[in-house]
Amino acid sequence: MGIGASIFLIALGAILAFAVEFNIAGLDEKAVGIILMLAGAIGLAFTMLVVNRRDRGVVAEDRIVTRERDVY
């Protein structure tokens, strides 16, 4: 799950939990909203960990050391 999808889930969950009121038998919209917000937060944390770990790759540098000779 990417950063955009995680933020979308958090926003959708917040809308369902705090802004919308509807009644469907056997469904609590606030619980669904909180579950979506938690899923988005976990997805965001996981994505940030994976991206952070990917950026710490090993970088090898080849250095060529040359010396100048003194000519007399």
N, C-alpha and C. Protein backbone atom coordinates (compact mmCIF):
# COMPACT_ATOMS: atom_id res chain seq x y z
N MET A 1 0.86 -1.17 0.00
CA MET A 1 0.00 0.00 0.00
C MET A 1 0.91 1.23 0.00
N GLY A 2 0.60 2.17 -0.83
CA GLY A 2 1.42 3.36 -0.94
C GLY A 2 0.97 4.45 0.02
N ILE A 3 1.70 5.54 -0.02
CA ILE A 3 1.41 6.67 0.86
C ILE A 3 0.05 7.28 0.51
N GLY A 4 -0.22 7.41 -0.78
CA GLY A 4 -1.50 8.00 -1.21
C GLY A 4 -2.70 7.17 -0.78
N ALA A 5 -2.60 5.85 -0.94
CA ALA A 5 -3.70 4.97 -0.52
C ALA A 5 -3.90 5.01 0.98
N SER A 6 -2.82 5.09 1.73
CA SER A 6 -2.92 5.15 3.19
C SER A 6 -3.61 6.44 3.64
N ILE A 7 -3.22 7.55 3.04
CA ILE A 7 -3.84 8.83 3.39
C ILE A 7 -5.31 8.83 2.98
N PHE A 8 -5.62 8.21 1.84
CA PHE A 8 -7.01 8.10 1.41
C PHE A 8 -7.83 7.31 2.43
N LEU A 9 -7.30 6.19 2.92
CA LEU A 9 -8.02 5.40 3.92
C LEU A 9 -8.22 6.17 5.22
N ILE A 10 -7.22 6.91 5.62
CA ILE A 10 -7.34 7.71 6.85
C ILE A 10 -8.42 8.77 6.67
N ALA A 11 -8.42 9.45 5.52
CA ALA A 11 -9.42 10.49 5.28
C ALA A 11 -10.82 9.90 5.18
N LEU A 12 -10.96 8.79 4.45
CA LEU A 12 -12.27 8.15 4.33
C LEU A 12 -12.77 7.66 5.68
N GLY A 13 -11.89 7.10 6.47
CA GLY A 13 -12.27 6.65 7.81
C GLY A 13 -12.70 7.80 8.71
N ALA A 14 -11.99 8.93 8.61
CA ALA A 14 -12.37 10.09 9.41
C ALA A 14 -13.73 10.64 8.99
N ILE A 15 -13.98 10.64 7.70
CA ILE A 15 -15.29 11.10 7.22
C ILE A 15 -16.39 10.19 7.74
N LEU A 16 -16.18 8.88 7.64
CA LEU A 16 -17.20 7.95 8.12
C LEU A 16 -17.37 8.02 9.63
N ALA A 17 -16.29 8.22 10.35
CA ALA A 17 -16.37 8.21 11.81
C ALA A 17 -16.96 9.50 12.38
N PHE A 18 -16.68 10.63 11.75
CA PHE A 18 -17.03 11.90 12.39
C PHE A 18 -18.04 12.76 11.63
N ALA A 19 -18.21 12.55 10.32
CA ALA A 19 -19.01 13.49 9.55
C ALA A 19 -20.29 12.91 8.97
N VAL A 20 -20.39 11.62 8.87
CA VAL A 20 -21.52 11.02 8.16
C VAL A 20 -22.39 10.27 9.15
N GLU A 21 -23.68 10.41 8.98
CA GLU A 21 -24.62 9.63 9.79
C GLU A 21 -25.57 8.91 8.86
N PHE A 22 -25.50 7.59 8.85
CA PHE A 22 -26.44 6.78 8.10
C PHE A 22 -26.71 5.52 8.89
N ASN A 23 -27.79 4.88 8.60
CA ASN A 23 -28.17 3.68 9.33
C ASN A 23 -28.31 2.51 8.38
N ILE A 24 -27.47 1.52 8.59
CA ILE A 24 -27.58 0.25 7.90
C ILE A 24 -27.67 -0.80 9.00
N ALA A 25 -28.65 -1.67 8.88
CA ALA A 25 -28.86 -2.67 9.93
C ALA A 25 -27.61 -3.52 10.12
N GLY A 26 -27.13 -3.57 11.33
CA GLY A 26 -25.97 -4.39 11.67
C GLY A 26 -24.63 -3.79 11.33
N LEU A 27 -24.60 -2.50 10.96
CA LEU A 27 -23.34 -1.86 10.60
C LEU A 27 -23.20 -0.56 11.37
N ASP A 28 -22.09 -0.42 12.05
CA ASP A 28 -21.82 0.81 12.80
C ASP A 28 -20.81 1.63 11.99
N GLU A 29 -21.24 2.76 11.46
CA GLU A 29 -20.36 3.55 10.60
C GLU A 29 -19.16 4.11 11.34
N LYS A 30 -19.31 4.39 12.63
CA LYS A 30 -18.17 4.89 13.40
C LYS A 30 -17.10 3.82 13.56
N ALA A 31 -17.52 2.58 13.78
CA ALA A 31 -16.55 1.48 13.90
C ALA A 31 -15.84 1.24 12.57
N VAL A 32 -16.59 1.29 11.48
CA VAL A 32 -15.98 1.11 10.15
C VAL A 32 -14.98 2.24 9.89
N GLY A 33 -15.34 3.46 10.26
CA GLY A 33 -14.43 4.59 10.08
C GLY A 33 -13.15 4.44 10.89
N ILE A 34 -13.28 4.00 12.12
CA ILE A 34 -12.09 3.82 12.96
C ILE A 34 -11.22 2.69 12.41
N ILE A 35 -11.84 1.62 11.94
CA ILE A 35 -11.07 0.52 11.35
C ILE A 35 -10.32 0.99 10.11
N LEU A 36 -10.97 1.79 9.27
CA LEU A 36 -10.29 2.32 8.08
C LEU A 36 -9.15 3.26 8.46
N MET A 37 -9.34 4.08 9.48
CA MET A 37 -8.26 4.97 9.92
C MET A 37 -7.08 4.17 10.45
N LEU A 38 -7.35 3.12 11.22
CA LEU A 38 -6.27 2.28 11.74
C LEU A 38 -5.54 1.56 10.60
N ALA A 39 -6.29 1.04 9.65
CA ALA A 39 -5.67 0.37 8.51
C ALA A 39 -4.80 1.35 7.71
N GLY A 40 -5.27 2.57 7.54
CA GLY A 40 -4.47 3.58 6.84
C GLY A 40 -3.23 3.96 7.61
N ALA A 41 -3.34 4.08 8.93
CA ALA A 41 -2.17 4.43 9.74
C ALA A 41 -1.13 3.31 9.73
N ILE A 42 -1.60 2.07 9.81
CA ILE A 42 -0.66 0.94 9.76
C ILE A 42 -0.01 0.85 8.39
N GLY A 43 -0.79 1.05 7.34
CA GLY A 43 -0.24 1.05 5.99
C GLY A 43 0.76 2.17 5.78
N LEU A 44 0.48 3.35 6.32
CA LEU A 44 1.41 4.48 6.20
C LEU A 44 2.70 4.19 6.95
N ALA A 45 2.60 3.66 8.16
CA ALA A 45 3.80 3.33 8.93
C ALA A 45 4.63 2.27 8.22
N PHE A 46 3.97 1.24 7.70
CA PHE A 46 4.68 0.19 6.98
C PHE A 46 5.36 0.73 5.72
N THR A 47 4.66 1.58 4.99
CA THR A 47 5.22 2.17 3.78
C THR A 47 6.43 3.03 4.11
N MET A 48 6.33 3.82 5.17
CA MET A 48 7.46 4.67 5.55
C MET A 48 8.67 3.83 5.98
N LEU A 49 8.43 2.72 6.67
CA LEU A 49 9.54 1.85 7.06
C LEU A 49 10.21 1.23 5.84
N VAL A 50 9.42 0.78 4.88
CA VAL A 50 9.98 0.16 3.69
C VAL A 50 10.75 1.19 2.86
N VAL A 51 10.18 2.37 2.69
CA VAL A 51 10.86 3.41 1.91
C VAL A 51 12.13 3.85 2.62
N ASN A 52 12.09 3.99 3.94
CA ASN A 52 13.26 4.40 4.70
C ASN A 52 14.35 3.35 4.60
N ARG A 53 13.98 2.08 4.67
CA ARG A 53 14.96 1.01 4.58
C ARG A 53 15.56 0.94 3.18
N ARG A 54 14.77 1.20 2.16
CA ARG A 54 15.25 1.15 0.78
C ARG A 54 16.26 2.26 0.52
N ASP A 55 16.11 3.40 1.17
CA ASP A 55 17.02 4.52 0.95
C ASP A 55 18.38 4.33 1.60
N ARG A 56 18.52 3.35 2.46
CA ARG A 56 19.79 3.14 3.16
C ARG A 56 20.66 2.10 2.49
N GLY A 57 20.63 2.06 1.20
CA GLY A 57 21.43 1.09 0.46
C GLY A 57 22.92 1.39 0.61
N VAL A 58 23.73 0.40 0.36
CA VAL A 58 25.17 0.56 0.47
C VAL A 58 25.67 1.23 -0.80
N VAL A 59 26.43 2.25 -0.61
CA VAL A 59 27.01 2.97 -1.72
C VAL A 59 28.51 2.73 -1.71
N ALA A 60 29.00 2.15 -2.77
CA ALA A 60 30.43 1.88 -2.87
C ALA A 60 31.04 2.91 -3.80
N GLU A 61 32.15 3.43 -3.37
CA GLU A 61 32.86 4.40 -4.19
C GLU A 61 34.24 3.86 -4.52
N ASP A 62 34.60 3.98 -5.75
CA ASP A 62 35.96 3.63 -6.15
C ASP A 62 36.77 4.91 -6.17
N ARG A 63 37.81 4.91 -5.37
CA ARG A 63 38.66 6.10 -5.33
C ARG A 63 40.03 5.73 -5.90
N ILE A 64 40.47 6.53 -6.81
CA ILE A 64 41.78 6.32 -7.40
C ILE A 64 42.71 7.38 -6.82
N VAL A 65 43.72 6.89 -6.15
CA VAL A 65 44.66 7.80 -5.50
C VAL A 65 45.91 7.87 -6.37
N THR A 66 46.25 9.06 -6.76
CA THR A 66 47.46 9.26 -7.56
C THR A 66 48.37 10.21 -6.80
N ARG A 67 49.66 9.99 -6.98
CA ARG A 67 50.65 10.88 -6.37
C ARG A 67 51.42 11.57 -7.49
N GLU A 68 51.70 12.81 -7.26
CA GLU A 68 52.53 13.53 -8.21
C GLU A 68 54.00 13.31 -7.84
N ARG A 69 54.79 13.08 -8.84
CA ARG A 69 56.21 12.88 -8.59
C ARG A 69 56.95 14.21 -8.71
N ASP A 70 57.88 14.36 -7.83
CA ASP A 70 58.72 15.55 -7.91
C ASP A 70 59.81 15.28 -8.94
N VAL A 71 59.91 16.14 -9.91
CA VAL A 71 60.92 16.00 -10.94
C VAL A 71 62.02 17.00 -10.66
N TYR A 72 63.26 16.49 -10.57
CA TYR A 72 64.39 17.38 -10.28
C TYR A 72 65.21 17.60 -11.49
